[in-house]
Amino acid sequence: MKDLAIKFGLKVRDKRRELGLSQDKLALLAEIDRSYAGRVERGEVNITLEKAYQLAEVLECDLRDILP
């Protein structure tokens, strides 16, 4: 399961960087804590579906695009 969280986090990070967003900006727009955004990108947390959809919206993509 940890492997999935890491793969998800890497996809989120790649998409964020592609859009030129900082972790701070991503967190602000997704209404999550910046440290939580960092833990998501490092695969250290199991994100809820609600948060995953929020991230996808901010990243201007379909959730399927950032799922492992």
N, C-alpha and C. Protein backbone atom coordinates (compact mmCIF):
# COMPACT_ATOMS: atom_id res chain seq x y z
N MET A 1 0.82 -1.20 0.00
CA MET A 1 0.00 0.00 0.00
C MET A 1 0.86 1.26 0.00
N LYS A 2 1.97 1.21 0.70
CA LYS A 2 2.90 2.35 0.76
C LYS A 2 3.37 2.72 -0.64
N ASP A 3 3.61 1.71 -1.47
CA ASP A 3 4.07 1.94 -2.84
C ASP A 3 3.07 2.78 -3.62
N LEU A 4 1.78 2.54 -3.41
CA LEU A 4 0.75 3.32 -4.11
C LEU A 4 0.79 4.78 -3.68
N ALA A 5 0.97 5.01 -2.39
CA ALA A 5 1.03 6.38 -1.88
C ALA A 5 2.24 7.12 -2.47
N ILE A 6 3.35 6.43 -2.59
CA ILE A 6 4.55 7.04 -3.17
C ILE A 6 4.33 7.37 -4.65
N LYS A 7 3.75 6.44 -5.40
CA LYS A 7 3.48 6.68 -6.82
C LYS A 7 2.50 7.83 -7.01
N PHE A 8 1.47 7.88 -6.16
CA PHE A 8 0.51 8.97 -6.23
C PHE A 8 1.19 10.31 -5.96
N GLY A 9 2.00 10.33 -4.91
CA GLY A 9 2.71 11.55 -4.54
C GLY A 9 3.63 12.06 -5.64
N LEU A 10 4.32 11.14 -6.30
CA LEU A 10 5.21 11.53 -7.40
C LEU A 10 4.43 12.13 -8.56
N LYS A 11 3.25 11.57 -8.83
CA LYS A 11 2.42 12.11 -9.91
C LYS A 11 1.90 13.50 -9.56
N VAL A 12 1.52 13.67 -8.30
CA VAL A 12 1.06 14.99 -7.84
C VAL A 12 2.20 16.00 -7.99
N ARG A 13 3.39 15.62 -7.52
CA ARG A 13 4.56 16.51 -7.60
C ARG A 13 4.87 16.88 -9.06
N ASP A 14 4.87 15.89 -9.94
CA ASP A 14 5.15 16.15 -11.35
C ASP A 14 4.14 17.11 -11.95
N LYS A 15 2.87 16.87 -11.66
CA LYS A 15 1.81 17.73 -12.20
C LYS A 15 1.92 19.15 -11.63
N ARG A 16 2.21 19.24 -10.34
CA ARG A 16 2.37 20.56 -9.70
C ARG A 16 3.50 21.33 -10.35
N ARG A 17 4.62 20.67 -10.54
CA ARG A 17 5.77 21.33 -11.15
C ARG A 17 5.49 21.71 -12.60
N GLU A 18 4.76 20.85 -13.30
CA GLU A 18 4.38 21.14 -14.69
C GLU A 18 3.59 22.43 -14.78
N LEU A 19 2.76 22.68 -13.77
CA LEU A 19 1.94 23.89 -13.74
C LEU A 19 2.68 25.08 -13.14
N GLY A 20 3.88 24.85 -12.63
CA GLY A 20 4.66 25.92 -12.04
C GLY A 20 4.15 26.37 -10.68
N LEU A 21 3.51 25.47 -9.94
CA LEU A 21 2.98 25.80 -8.63
C LEU A 21 3.97 25.40 -7.54
N SER A 22 4.06 26.20 -6.52
CA SER A 22 4.84 25.82 -5.34
C SER A 22 3.96 24.92 -4.46
N GLN A 23 4.59 24.22 -3.53
CA GLN A 23 3.80 23.43 -2.58
C GLN A 23 2.89 24.34 -1.77
N ASP A 24 3.39 25.51 -1.42
CA ASP A 24 2.57 26.46 -0.66
C ASP A 24 1.31 26.85 -1.43
N LYS A 25 1.47 27.16 -2.70
CA LYS A 25 0.34 27.58 -3.53
C LYS A 25 -0.64 26.42 -3.72
N LEU A 26 -0.11 25.23 -3.97
CA LEU A 26 -0.96 24.05 -4.11
C LEU A 26 -1.78 23.84 -2.85
N ALA A 27 -1.12 23.91 -1.71
CA ALA A 27 -1.81 23.70 -0.43
C ALA A 27 -2.88 24.76 -0.21
N LEU A 28 -2.56 26.01 -0.50
CA LEU A 28 -3.51 27.10 -0.33
C LEU A 28 -4.75 26.88 -1.20
N LEU A 29 -4.54 26.58 -2.47
CA LEU A 29 -5.65 26.40 -3.40
C LEU A 29 -6.48 25.15 -3.08
N ALA A 30 -5.83 24.10 -2.58
CA ALA A 30 -6.53 22.85 -2.25
C ALA A 30 -7.08 22.86 -0.82
N GLU A 31 -6.82 23.96 -0.11
CA GLU A 31 -7.30 24.11 1.27
C GLU A 31 -6.79 23.00 2.18
N ILE A 32 -5.48 22.72 2.05
CA ILE A 32 -4.83 21.76 2.93
C ILE A 32 -3.57 22.41 3.50
N ASP A 33 -3.06 21.86 4.57
CA ASP A 33 -1.85 22.38 5.17
C ASP A 33 -0.64 22.10 4.27
N ARG A 34 0.31 23.04 4.22
CA ARG A 34 1.48 22.87 3.37
C ARG A 34 2.29 21.63 3.75
N SER A 35 2.41 21.37 5.04
CA SER A 35 3.16 20.20 5.46
C SER A 35 2.45 18.91 5.04
N TYR A 36 1.12 18.94 5.01
CA TYR A 36 0.35 17.78 4.55
C TYR A 36 0.60 17.56 3.05
N ALA A 37 0.64 18.65 2.29
CA ALA A 37 0.91 18.54 0.85
C ALA A 37 2.28 17.90 0.63
N GLY A 38 3.26 18.29 1.44
CA GLY A 38 4.59 17.69 1.33
C GLY A 38 4.57 16.21 1.66
N ARG A 39 3.81 15.84 2.70
CA ARG A 39 3.73 14.42 3.07
C ARG A 39 3.02 13.61 1.99
N VAL A 40 2.02 14.22 1.33
CA VAL A 40 1.34 13.54 0.22
C VAL A 40 2.35 13.28 -0.90
N GLU A 41 3.11 14.29 -1.26
CA GLU A 41 4.08 14.15 -2.35
C GLU A 41 5.17 13.13 -2.03
N ARG A 42 5.50 12.97 -0.76
CA ARG A 42 6.52 11.98 -0.36
C ARG A 42 5.92 10.60 -0.11
N GLY A 43 4.60 10.48 -0.23
CA GLY A 43 3.95 9.19 -0.02
C GLY A 43 3.89 8.76 1.43
N GLU A 44 3.87 9.71 2.33
CA GLU A 44 3.88 9.41 3.75
C GLU A 44 2.49 9.32 4.38
N VAL A 45 1.46 9.69 3.62
CA VAL A 45 0.09 9.64 4.14
C VAL A 45 -0.82 8.94 3.15
N ASN A 46 -1.88 8.36 3.66
CA ASN A 46 -2.93 7.82 2.82
C ASN A 46 -4.00 8.89 2.69
N ILE A 47 -4.07 9.47 1.53
CA ILE A 47 -4.96 10.61 1.28
C ILE A 47 -6.40 10.12 1.12
N THR A 48 -7.34 10.95 1.57
CA THR A 48 -8.76 10.61 1.39
C THR A 48 -9.18 10.92 -0.05
N LEU A 49 -10.26 10.33 -0.47
CA LEU A 49 -10.78 10.61 -1.81
C LEU A 49 -11.14 12.08 -1.96
N GLU A 50 -11.70 12.65 -0.92
CA GLU A 50 -12.08 14.06 -0.98
C GLU A 50 -10.86 14.94 -1.25
N LYS A 51 -9.77 14.70 -0.53
CA LYS A 51 -8.55 15.47 -0.72
C LYS A 51 -7.94 15.20 -2.09
N ALA A 52 -8.01 13.96 -2.55
CA ALA A 52 -7.47 13.62 -3.86
C ALA A 52 -8.22 14.38 -4.96
N TYR A 53 -9.53 14.47 -4.84
CA TYR A 53 -10.31 15.23 -5.81
C TYR A 53 -9.99 16.72 -5.74
N GLN A 54 -9.77 17.24 -4.53
CA GLN A 54 -9.39 18.65 -4.38
C GLN A 54 -8.07 18.91 -5.09
N LEU A 55 -7.11 18.02 -4.90
CA LEU A 55 -5.80 18.19 -5.55
C LEU A 55 -5.95 18.14 -7.07
N ALA A 56 -6.73 17.19 -7.56
CA ALA A 56 -6.92 17.07 -9.01
C ALA A 56 -7.54 18.34 -9.58
N GLU A 57 -8.49 18.91 -8.86
CA GLU A 57 -9.13 20.14 -9.33
C GLU A 57 -8.11 21.28 -9.42
N VAL A 58 -7.30 21.42 -8.38
CA VAL A 58 -6.28 22.47 -8.36
C VAL A 58 -5.25 22.22 -9.45
N LEU A 59 -4.93 20.95 -9.69
CA LEU A 59 -3.93 20.59 -10.69
C LEU A 59 -4.50 20.57 -12.11
N GLU A 60 -5.77 20.95 -12.21
CA GLU A 60 -6.45 21.07 -13.51
C GLU A 60 -6.38 19.78 -14.31
N CYS A 61 -6.67 18.67 -13.62
CA CYS A 61 -6.65 17.38 -14.31
C CYS A 61 -7.75 16.49 -13.74
N ASP A 62 -7.98 15.40 -14.41
CA ASP A 62 -8.89 14.38 -13.92
C ASP A 62 -8.16 13.58 -12.86
N LEU A 63 -8.87 13.13 -11.86
CA LEU A 63 -8.24 12.35 -10.80
C LEU A 63 -7.48 11.15 -11.38
N ARG A 64 -8.00 10.56 -12.44
CA ARG A 64 -7.34 9.41 -13.06
C ARG A 64 -5.93 9.74 -13.54
N ASP A 65 -5.69 11.01 -13.84
CA ASP A 65 -4.37 11.41 -14.33
C ASP A 65 -3.29 11.37 -13.25
N ILE A 66 -3.70 11.43 -11.98
CA ILE A 66 -2.70 11.41 -10.91
C ILE A 66 -2.76 10.12 -10.09
N LEU A 67 -3.68 9.25 -10.39
CA LEU A 67 -3.71 7.95 -9.70
C LEU A 67 -2.61 7.05 -10.25
N PRO A 68 -2.05 6.21 -9.36
CA PRO A 68 -0.98 5.29 -9.83
C PRO A 68 -1.52 4.25 -10.80
